Amino acid sequence: MMGKPLLFTRHARTVMEERSIPEEWVTMTTARPDHLEHDPAQKGAFRAFLRIPAFGNRVLRVVYYEELDTCRVITVFFDRGARRKGLAT
């Protein structure tokens, strides 16, 4: 997704605020993920994963749709199962 501006849905903004997830971490995750996959639950969406050292090496998951000029971020959360699944290792 390198270089495209991010647009955040209301849901994404809300959960980022509730979970104290800085926009910078979301930007880093979409720009340089440790792992990227298609989201099987949402056709056309991607899941990007990145280990965040500043947050105890927990794995951030960002779900987004890549559009022509932007990326629309749908949701953001720390994925408790990512390490067990072997993602972002």
PDB file of N, CA and C in Angstrom:
ATOM      1  N   MET A   1       0.827  -1.192   0.000  1.00  0.00           N
ATOM      2  CA  MET A   1       0.000   0.000   0.000  1.00  0.00           C
ATOM      3  C   MET A   1       0.862   1.242   0.000  1.00  0.00           C
ATOM      4  N   MET A   2       2.089   1.160  -0.078  1.00  0.00           N
ATOM      5  CA  MET A   2       3.032   2.262   0.067  1.00  0.00           C
ATOM      6  C   MET A   2       2.562   3.579  -0.546  1.00  0.00           C
ATOM      7  N   GLY A   3       2.580   4.637   0.269  1.00  0.00           N
ATOM      8  CA  GLY A   3       2.425   5.986  -0.236  1.00  0.00           C
ATOM      9  C   GLY A   3       1.023   6.545  -0.365  1.00  0.00           C
ATOM     10  N   LYS A   4      -0.009   5.750  -0.272  1.00  0.00           N
ATOM     11  CA  LYS A   4      -1.368   6.270  -0.407  1.00  0.00           C
ATOM     12  C   LYS A   4      -1.840   6.828   0.933  1.00  0.00           C
ATOM     13  N   PRO A   5      -2.551   7.957   0.885  1.00  0.00           N
ATOM     14  CA  PRO A   5      -3.080   8.496   2.133  1.00  0.00           C
ATOM     15  C   PRO A   5      -4.154   7.568   2.705  1.00  0.00           C
ATOM     16  N   LEU A   6      -4.259   7.568   4.024  1.00  0.00           N
ATOM     17  CA  LEU A   6      -5.245   6.747   4.709  1.00  0.00           C
ATOM     18  C   LEU A   6      -6.490   7.561   5.016  1.00  0.00           C
ATOM     19  N   LEU A   7      -7.634   6.946   4.788  1.00  0.00           N
ATOM     20  CA  LEU A   7      -8.914   7.490   5.221  1.00  0.00           C
ATOM     21  C   LEU A   7      -9.448   6.540   6.272  1.00  0.00           C
ATOM     22  N   PHE A   8      -9.920   7.082   7.381  1.00  0.00           N
ATOM     23  CA  PHE A   8     -10.371   6.263   8.500  1.00  0.00           C
ATOM     24  C   PHE A   8     -11.891   6.308   8.602  1.00  0.00           C
ATOM     25  N   THR A   9     -12.502   5.128   8.702  1.00  0.00           N
ATOM     26  CA  THR A   9     -13.934   5.092   8.954  1.00  0.00           C
ATOM     27  C   THR A   9     -14.182   5.585  10.376  1.00  0.00           C
ATOM     28  N   ARG A  10     -15.413   5.914  10.663  1.00  0.00           N
ATOM     29  CA  ARG A  10     -15.768   6.354  12.012  1.00  0.00           C
ATOM     30  C   ARG A  10     -15.427   5.250  13.015  1.00  0.00           C
ATOM     31  N   HIS A  11     -15.729   4.002  12.643  1.00  0.00           N
ATOM     32  CA  HIS A  11     -15.411   2.875  13.521  1.00  0.00           C
ATOM     33  C   HIS A  11     -13.910   2.807  13.826  1.00  0.00           C
ATOM     34  N   ALA A  12     -13.087   2.920  12.776  1.00  0.00           N
ATOM     35  CA  ALA A  12     -11.638   2.850  12.968  1.00  0.00           C
ATOM     36  C   ALA A  12     -11.167   3.960  13.915  1.00  0.00           C
ATOM     37  N   ARG A  13     -11.644   5.167  13.714  1.00  0.00           N
ATOM     38  CA  ARG A  13     -11.250   6.284  14.590  1.00  0.00           C
ATOM     39  C   ARG A  13     -11.666   6.016  16.035  1.00  0.00           C
ATOM     40  N   THR A  14     -12.871   5.503  16.197  1.00  0.00           N
ATOM     41  CA  THR A  14     -13.385   5.229  17.544  1.00  0.00           C
ATOM     42  C   THR A  14     -12.531   4.195  18.257  1.00  0.00           C
ATOM     43  N   VAL A  15     -12.250   3.079  17.581  1.00  0.00           N
ATOM     44  CA  VAL A  15     -11.476   2.029  18.257  1.00  0.00           C
ATOM     45  C   VAL A  15     -10.030   2.457  18.489  1.00  0.00           C
ATOM     46  N   MET A  16      -9.479   3.264  17.592  1.00  0.00           N
ATOM     47  CA  MET A  16      -8.124   3.772  17.814  1.00  0.00           C
ATOM     48  C   MET A  16      -8.088   4.635  19.069  1.00  0.00           C
ATOM     49  N   GLU A  17      -9.086   5.462  19.231  1.00  0.00           N
ATOM     50  CA  GLU A  17      -9.147   6.324  20.414  1.00  0.00           C
ATOM     51  C   GLU A  17      -9.360   5.484  21.676  1.00  0.00           C
ATOM     52  N   GLU A  18     -10.307   4.543  21.633  1.00  0.00           N
ATOM     53  CA  GLU A  18     -10.598   3.706  22.802  1.00  0.00           C
ATOM     54  C   GLU A  18      -9.394   2.863  23.222  1.00  0.00           C
ATOM     55  N   ARG A  19      -8.614   2.406  22.236  1.00  0.00           N
ATOM     56  CA  ARG A  19      -7.490   1.507  22.505  1.00  0.00           C
ATOM     57  C   ARG A  19      -6.146   2.224  22.538  1.00  0.00           C
ATOM     58  N   SER A  20      -6.177   3.546  22.449  1.00  0.00           N
ATOM     59  CA  SER A  20      -4.955   4.371  22.481  1.00  0.00           C
ATOM     60  C   SER A  20      -3.943   3.919  21.416  1.00  0.00           C
ATOM     61  N   ILE A  21      -4.429   3.723  20.193  1.00  0.00           N
ATOM     62  CA  ILE A  21      -3.572   3.319  19.079  1.00  0.00           C
ATOM     63  C   ILE A  21      -3.294   4.549  18.229  1.00  0.00           C
ATOM     64  N   PRO A  22      -2.034   4.999  18.190  1.00  0.00           N
ATOM     65  CA  PRO A  22      -1.699   6.192  17.409  1.00  0.00           C
ATOM     66  C   PRO A  22      -1.836   5.948  15.897  1.00  0.00           C
ATOM     67  N   GLU A  23      -2.228   6.988  15.196  1.00  0.00           N
ATOM     68  CA  GLU A  23      -2.337   6.919  13.742  1.00  0.00           C
ATOM     69  C   GLU A  23      -1.007   6.510  13.110  1.00  0.00           C
ATOM     70  N   GLU A  24       0.100   6.927  13.707  1.00  0.00           N
ATOM     71  CA  GLU A  24       1.429   6.578  13.195  1.00  0.00           C
ATOM     72  C   GLU A  24       1.619   5.062  13.116  1.00  0.00           C
ATOM     73  N   TRP A  25       1.142   4.332  14.117  1.00  0.00           N
ATOM     74  CA  TRP A  25       1.274   2.868  14.101  1.00  0.00           C
ATOM     75  C   TRP A  25       0.462   2.257  12.968  1.00  0.00           C
ATOM     76  N   VAL A  26      -0.713   2.822  12.716  1.00  0.00           N
ATOM     77  CA  VAL A  26      -1.561   2.328  11.621  1.00  0.00           C
ATOM     78  C   VAL A  26      -0.876   2.598  10.287  1.00  0.00           C
ATOM     79  N   THR A  27      -0.326   3.776  10.137  1.00  0.00           N
ATOM     80  CA  THR A  27       0.380   4.136   8.909  1.00  0.00           C
ATOM     81  C   THR A  27       1.565   3.205   8.679  1.00  0.00           C
ATOM     82  N   MET A  28       2.345   2.949   9.726  1.00  0.00           N
ATOM     83  CA  MET A  28       3.489   2.035   9.602  1.00  0.00           C
ATOM     84  C   MET A  28       3.031   0.634   9.214  1.00  0.00           C
ATOM     85  N   THR A  29       1.935   0.195   9.787  1.00  0.00           N
ATOM     86  CA  THR A  29       1.432  -1.158   9.533  1.00  0.00           C
ATOM     87  C   THR A  29       0.986  -1.323   8.086  1.00  0.00           C
ATOM     88  N   THR A  30       0.312  -0.338   7.540  1.00  0.00           N
ATOM     89  CA  THR A  30      -0.136  -0.448   6.149  1.00  0.00           C
ATOM     90  C   THR A  30       1.007  -0.241   5.166  1.00  0.00           C
ATOM     91  N   ALA A  31       1.989   0.567   5.545  1.00  0.00           N
ATOM     92  CA  ALA A  31       3.103   0.860   4.633  1.00  0.00           C
ATOM     93  C   ALA A  31       4.135  -0.260   4.587  1.00  0.00           C
ATOM     94  N   ARG A  32       4.420  -0.873   5.751  1.00  0.00           N
ATOM     95  CA  ARG A  32       5.477  -1.896   5.826  1.00  0.00           C
ATOM     96  C   ARG A  32       5.061  -3.033   6.761  1.00  0.00           C
ATOM     97  N   PRO A  33       4.028  -3.768   6.382  1.00  0.00           N
ATOM     98  CA  PRO A  33       3.578  -4.836   7.280  1.00  0.00           C
ATOM     99  C   PRO A  33       4.586  -5.977   7.365  1.00  0.00           C
ATOM    100  N   ASP A  34       4.586  -6.652   8.505  1.00  0.00           N
ATOM    101  CA  ASP A  34       5.361  -7.885   8.639  1.00  0.00           C
ATOM    102  C   ASP A  34       4.692  -8.994   7.844  1.00  0.00           C
ATOM    103  N   HIS A  35       3.376  -8.916   7.747  1.00  0.00           N
ATOM    104  CA  HIS A  35       2.593  -9.925   7.033  1.00  0.00           C
ATOM    105  C   HIS A  35       1.360  -9.244   6.446  1.00  0.00           C
ATOM    106  N   LEU A  36       0.967  -9.652   5.235  1.00  0.00           N
ATOM    107  CA  LEU A  36      -0.206  -9.096   4.568  1.00  0.00           C
ATOM    108  C   LEU A  36      -0.996 -10.243   3.970  1.00  0.00           C
ATOM    109  N   GLU A  37      -2.320 -10.200   4.139  1.00  0.00           N
ATOM    110  CA  GLU A  37      -3.167 -11.244   3.567  1.00  0.00           C
ATOM    111  C   GLU A  37      -4.526 -10.661   3.186  1.00  0.00           C
ATOM    112  N   HIS A  38      -5.238 -11.363   2.306  1.00  0.00           N
ATOM    113  CA  HIS A  38      -6.608 -10.987   1.996  1.00  0.00           C
ATOM    114  C   HIS A  38      -7.476 -11.343   3.193  1.00  0.00           C
ATOM    115  N   ASP A  39      -8.476 -10.534   3.456  1.00  0.00           N
ATOM    116  CA  ASP A  39      -9.398 -10.808   4.547  1.00  0.00           C
ATOM    117  C   ASP A  39     -10.493 -11.732   4.029  1.00  0.00           C
ATOM    118  N   PRO A  40     -10.554 -12.966   4.510  1.00  0.00           N
ATOM    119  CA  PRO A  40     -11.556 -13.900   4.003  1.00  0.00           C
ATOM    120  C   PRO A  40     -12.989 -13.510   4.375  1.00  0.00           C
ATOM    121  N   ALA A  41     -13.144 -12.675   5.382  1.00  0.00           N
ATOM    122  CA  ALA A  41     -14.478 -12.278   5.833  1.00  0.00           C
ATOM    123  C   ALA A  41     -15.031 -11.084   5.060  1.00  0.00           C
ATOM    124  N   GLN A  42     -14.151 -10.323   4.389  1.00  0.00           N
ATOM    125  CA  GLN A  42     -14.584  -9.116   3.689  1.00  0.00           C
ATOM    126  C   GLN A  42     -13.926  -9.076   2.316  1.00  0.00           C
ATOM    127  N   LYS A  43     -14.699  -9.369   1.294  1.00  0.00           N
ATOM    128  CA  LYS A  43     -14.170  -9.431  -0.060  1.00  0.00           C
ATOM    129  C   LYS A  43     -13.495  -8.104  -0.450  1.00  0.00           C
ATOM    130  N   GLY A  44     -12.269  -8.217  -0.925  1.00  0.00           N
ATOM    131  CA  GLY A  44     -11.518  -7.050  -1.372  1.00  0.00           C
ATOM    132  C   GLY A  44     -10.714  -6.357  -0.292  1.00  0.00           C
ATOM    133  N   ALA A  45     -10.896  -6.773   0.951  1.00  0.00           N
ATOM    134  CA  ALA A  45     -10.175  -6.141   2.063  1.00  0.00           C
ATOM    135  C   ALA A  45      -8.865  -6.872   2.314  1.00  0.00           C
ATOM    136  N   PHE A  46      -7.931  -6.150   2.910  1.00  0.00           N
ATOM    137  CA  PHE A  46      -6.635  -6.706   3.297  1.00  0.00           C
ATOM    138  C   PHE A  46      -6.473  -6.628   4.807  1.00  0.00           C
ATOM    139  N   ARG A  47      -5.691  -7.567   5.325  1.00  0.00           N
ATOM    140  CA  ARG A  47      -5.264  -7.544   6.723  1.00  0.00           C
ATOM    141  C   ARG A  47      -3.760  -7.332   6.718  1.00  0.00           C
ATOM    142  N   ALA A  48      -3.323  -6.275   7.389  1.00  0.00           N
ATOM    143  CA  ALA A  48      -1.895  -6.004   7.534  1.00  0.00           C
ATOM    144  C   ALA A  48      -1.529  -6.185   8.999  1.00  0.00           C
ATOM    145  N   PHE A  49      -0.395  -6.846   9.250  1.00  0.00           N
ATOM    146  CA  PHE A  49       0.056  -7.136  10.613  1.00  0.00           C
ATOM    147  C   PHE A  49       1.448  -6.551  10.822  1.00  0.00           C
ATOM    148  N   LEU A  50       1.665  -5.947  11.983  1.00  0.00           N
ATOM    149  CA  LEU A  50       2.980  -5.415  12.319  1.00  0.00           C
ATOM    150  C   LEU A  50       3.199  -5.526  13.818  1.00  0.00           C
ATOM    151  N   ARG A  51       4.348  -6.046  14.202  1.00  0.00           N
ATOM    152  CA  ARG A  51       4.733  -6.091  15.611  1.00  0.00           C
ATOM    153  C   ARG A  51       5.113  -4.675  16.028  1.00  0.00           C
ATOM    154  N   ILE A  52       4.578  -4.226  17.160  1.00  0.00           N
ATOM    155  CA  ILE A  52       4.817  -2.872  17.663  1.00  0.00           C
ATOM    156  C   ILE A  52       5.705  -2.963  18.908  1.00  0.00           C
ATOM    157  N   PRO A  53       7.024  -2.706  18.760  1.00  0.00           N
ATOM    158  CA  PRO A  53       7.934  -2.796  19.906  1.00  0.00           C
ATOM    159  C   PRO A  53       7.532  -1.888  21.071  1.00  0.00           C
ATOM    160  N   ALA A  54       7.000  -0.703  20.765  1.00  0.00           N
ATOM    161  CA  ALA A  54       6.618   0.244  21.812  1.00  0.00           C
ATOM    162  C   ALA A  54       5.405  -0.218  22.612  1.00  0.00           C
ATOM    163  N   PHE A  55       4.776  -1.321  22.170  1.00  0.00           N
ATOM    164  CA  PHE A  55       3.609  -1.848  22.865  1.00  0.00           C
ATOM    165  C   PHE A  55       3.835  -3.313  23.216  1.00  0.00           C
ATOM    166  N   GLY A  56       5.025  -3.608  23.720  1.00  0.00           N
ATOM    167  CA  GLY A  56       5.355  -4.948  24.185  1.00  0.00           C
ATOM    168  C   GLY A  56       5.431  -5.991  23.085  1.00  0.00           C
ATOM    169  N   ASN A  57       5.766  -5.556  21.869  1.00  0.00           N
ATOM    170  CA  ASN A  57       5.864  -6.449  20.703  1.00  0.00           C
ATOM    171  C   ASN A  57       4.543  -7.120  20.348  1.00  0.00           C
ATOM    172  N   ARG A  58       3.452  -6.548  20.801  1.00  0.00           N
ATOM    173  CA  ARG A  58       2.150  -7.083  20.392  1.00  0.00           C
ATOM    174  C   ARG A  58       1.937  -6.787  18.908  1.00  0.00           C
ATOM    175  N   VAL A  59       1.103  -7.599  18.279  1.00  0.00           N
ATOM    176  CA  VAL A  59       0.892  -7.498  16.835  1.00  0.00           C
ATOM    177  C   VAL A  59      -0.370  -6.697  16.546  1.00  0.00           C
ATOM    178  N   LEU A  60      -0.186  -5.602  15.806  1.00  0.00           N
ATOM    179  CA  LEU A  60      -1.302  -4.759  15.399  1.00  0.00           C
ATOM    180  C   LEU A  60      -1.873  -5.286  14.092  1.00  0.00           C
ATOM    181  N   ARG A  61      -3.193  -5.419  14.036  1.00  0.00           N
ATOM    182  CA  ARG A  61      -3.860  -5.801  12.791  1.00  0.00           C
ATOM    183  C   ARG A  61      -4.652  -4.602  12.293  1.00  0.00           C
ATOM    184  N   VAL A  62      -4.456  -4.260  11.028  1.00  0.00           N
ATOM    185  CA  VAL A  62      -5.199  -3.187  10.379  1.00  0.00           C
ATOM    186  C   VAL A  62      -5.934  -3.800   9.194  1.00  0.00           C
ATOM    187  N   VAL A  63      -7.243  -3.615   9.159  1.00  0.00           N
ATOM    188  CA  VAL A  63      -8.041  -4.103   8.043  1.00  0.00           C
ATOM    189  C   VAL A  63      -8.414  -2.889   7.198  1.00  0.00           C
ATOM    190  N   TYR A  64      -8.143  -2.985   5.893  1.00  0.00           N
ATOM    191  CA  TYR A  64      -8.377  -1.841   5.016  1.00  0.00           C
ATOM    192  C   TYR A  64      -8.736  -2.287   3.604  1.00  0.00           C
ATOM    193  N   TYR A  65      -9.333  -1.345   2.871  1.00  0.00           N
ATOM    194  CA  TYR A  65      -9.600  -1.514   1.446  1.00  0.00           C
ATOM    195  C   TYR A  65      -8.673  -0.577   0.697  1.00  0.00           C
ATOM    196  N   GLU A  66      -7.955  -1.107  -0.270  1.00  0.00           N
ATOM    197  CA  GLU A  66      -7.111  -0.265  -1.107  1.00  0.00           C
ATOM    198  C   GLU A  66      -7.967   0.256  -2.250  1.00  0.00           C
ATOM    199  N   GLU A  67      -8.017   1.574  -2.363  1.00  0.00           N
ATOM    200  CA  GLU A  67      -8.794   2.227  -3.403  1.00  0.00           C
ATOM    201  C   GLU A  67      -7.839   2.913  -4.361  1.00  0.00           C
ATOM    202  N   LEU A  68      -8.351   3.532  -5.373  1.00  0.00           N
ATOM    203  CA  LEU A  68      -7.520   4.115  -6.417  1.00  0.00           C
ATOM    204  C   LEU A  68      -6.453   5.065  -5.858  1.00  0.00           C
ATOM    205  N   ASP A  69      -6.871   6.039  -5.068  1.00  0.00           N
ATOM    206  CA  ASP A  69      -5.940   7.053  -4.569  1.00  0.00           C
ATOM    207  C   ASP A  69      -5.720   7.005  -3.063  1.00  0.00           C
ATOM    208  N   THR A  70      -6.463   6.158  -2.371  1.00  0.00           N
ATOM    209  CA  THR A  70      -6.383   6.111  -0.909  1.00  0.00           C
ATOM    210  C   THR A  70      -6.521   4.671  -0.411  1.00  0.00           C
ATOM    211  N   CYS A  71      -6.348   4.517   0.883  1.00  0.00           N
ATOM    212  CA  CYS A  71      -6.664   3.274   1.569  1.00  0.00           C
ATOM    213  C   CYS A  71      -7.644   3.621   2.672  1.00  0.00           C
ATOM    214  N   ARG A  72      -8.770   2.920   2.684  1.00  0.00           N
ATOM    215  CA  ARG A  72      -9.823   3.163   3.670  1.00  0.00           C
ATOM    216  C   ARG A  72      -9.675   2.147   4.789  1.00  0.00           C
ATOM    217  N   VAL A  73      -9.304   2.632   5.964  1.00  0.00           N
ATOM    218  CA  VAL A  73      -9.085   1.774   7.133  1.00  0.00           C
ATOM    219  C   VAL A  73     -10.431   1.490   7.783  1.00  0.00           C
ATOM    220  N   ILE A  74     -10.728   0.183   7.927  1.00  0.00           N
ATOM    221  CA  ILE A  74     -12.009  -0.268   8.466  1.00  0.00           C
ATOM    222  C   ILE A  74     -11.938  -0.489   9.970  1.00  0.00           C
ATOM    223  N   THR A  75     -10.892  -1.186  10.423  1.00  0.00           N
ATOM    224  CA  THR A  75     -10.746  -1.443  11.850  1.00  0.00           C
ATOM    225  C   THR A  75      -9.276  -1.663  12.188  1.00  0.00           C
ATOM    226  N   VAL A  76      -8.971  -1.522  13.466  1.00  0.00           N
ATOM    227  CA  VAL A  76      -7.604  -1.617  13.976  1.00  0.00           C
ATOM    228  C   VAL A  76      -7.672  -2.256  15.361  1.00  0.00           C
ATOM    229  N   PHE A  77      -6.831  -3.259  15.593  1.00  0.00           N
ATOM    230  CA  PHE A  77      -6.794  -3.850  16.934  1.00  0.00           C
ATOM    231  C   PHE A  77      -5.531  -4.681  17.100  1.00  0.00           C
ATOM    232  N   PHE A  78      -5.193  -4.942  18.363  1.00  0.00           N
ATOM    233  CA  PHE A  78      -4.073  -5.820  18.654  1.00  0.00           C
ATOM    234  C   PHE A  78      -4.595  -7.249  18.593  1.00  0.00           C
ATOM    235  N   ASP A  79      -3.989  -8.043  17.726  1.00  0.00           N
ATOM    236  CA  ASP A  79      -4.437  -9.403  17.430  1.00  0.00           C
ATOM    237  C   ASP A  79      -3.781 -10.373  18.397  1.00  0.00           C
ATOM    238  N   ARG A  80      -4.531 -10.829  19.360  1.00  0.00           N
ATOM    239  CA  ARG A  80      -3.995 -11.740  20.387  1.00  0.00           C
ATOM    240  C   ARG A  80      -3.552 -13.069  19.803  1.00  0.00           C
ATOM    241  N   GLY A  81      -4.176 -13.509  18.709  1.00  0.00           N
ATOM    242  CA  GLY A  81      -3.858 -14.803  18.135  1.00  0.00           C
ATOM    243  C   GLY A  81      -2.776 -14.769  17.074  1.00  0.00           C
ATOM    244  N   ALA A  82      -2.289 -13.599  16.699  1.00  0.00           N
ATOM    245  CA  ALA A  82      -1.332 -13.496  15.590  1.00  0.00           C
ATOM    246  C   ALA A  82      -0.044 -14.252  15.860  1.00  0.00           C
ATOM    247  N   ARG A  83       0.473 -14.164  17.053  1.00  0.00           N
ATOM    248  CA  ARG A  83       1.723 -14.887  17.355  1.00  0.00           C
ATOM    249  C   ARG A  83       1.506 -16.392  17.313  1.00  0.00           C
ATOM    250  N   ARG A  84       0.382 -16.842  17.847  1.00  0.00           N
ATOM    251  CA  ARG A  84       0.089 -18.277  17.829  1.00  0.00           C
ATOM    252  C   ARG A  84      -0.073 -18.792  16.404  1.00  0.00           C
ATOM    253  N   LYS A  85      -0.576 -17.951  15.510  1.00  0.00           N
ATOM    254  CA  LYS A  85      -0.772 -18.347  14.109  1.00  0.00           C
ATOM    255  C   LYS A  85       0.528 -18.246  13.311  1.00  0.00           C
ATOM    256  N   GLY A  86       1.574 -17.707  13.944  1.00  0.00           N
ATOM    257  CA  GLY A  86       2.842 -17.564  13.238  1.00  0.00           C
ATOM    258  C   GLY A  86       2.925 -16.310  12.393  1.00  0.00           C
ATOM    259  N   LEU A  87       2.039 -15.369  12.597  1.00  0.00           N
ATOM    260  CA  LEU A  87       2.056 -14.122  11.836  1.00  0.00           C
ATOM    261  C   LEU A  87       2.976 -13.124  12.509  1.00  0.00           C
ATOM    262  N   ALA A  88       3.599 -12.312  11.704  1.00  0.00           N
ATOM    263  CA  ALA A  88       4.428 -11.212  12.196  1.00  0.00           C
ATOM    264  C   ALA A  88       5.495 -11.708  13.142  1.00  0.00           C
ATOM    265  N   THR A  89       6.157 -12.782  12.785  1.00  0.00           N
ATOM    266  CA  THR A  89       7.209 -13.291  13.653  1.00  0.00           C
ATOM    267  C   THR A  89       8.573 -12.880  13.161  1.00  0.00           C
TER     268      THR A  89
END
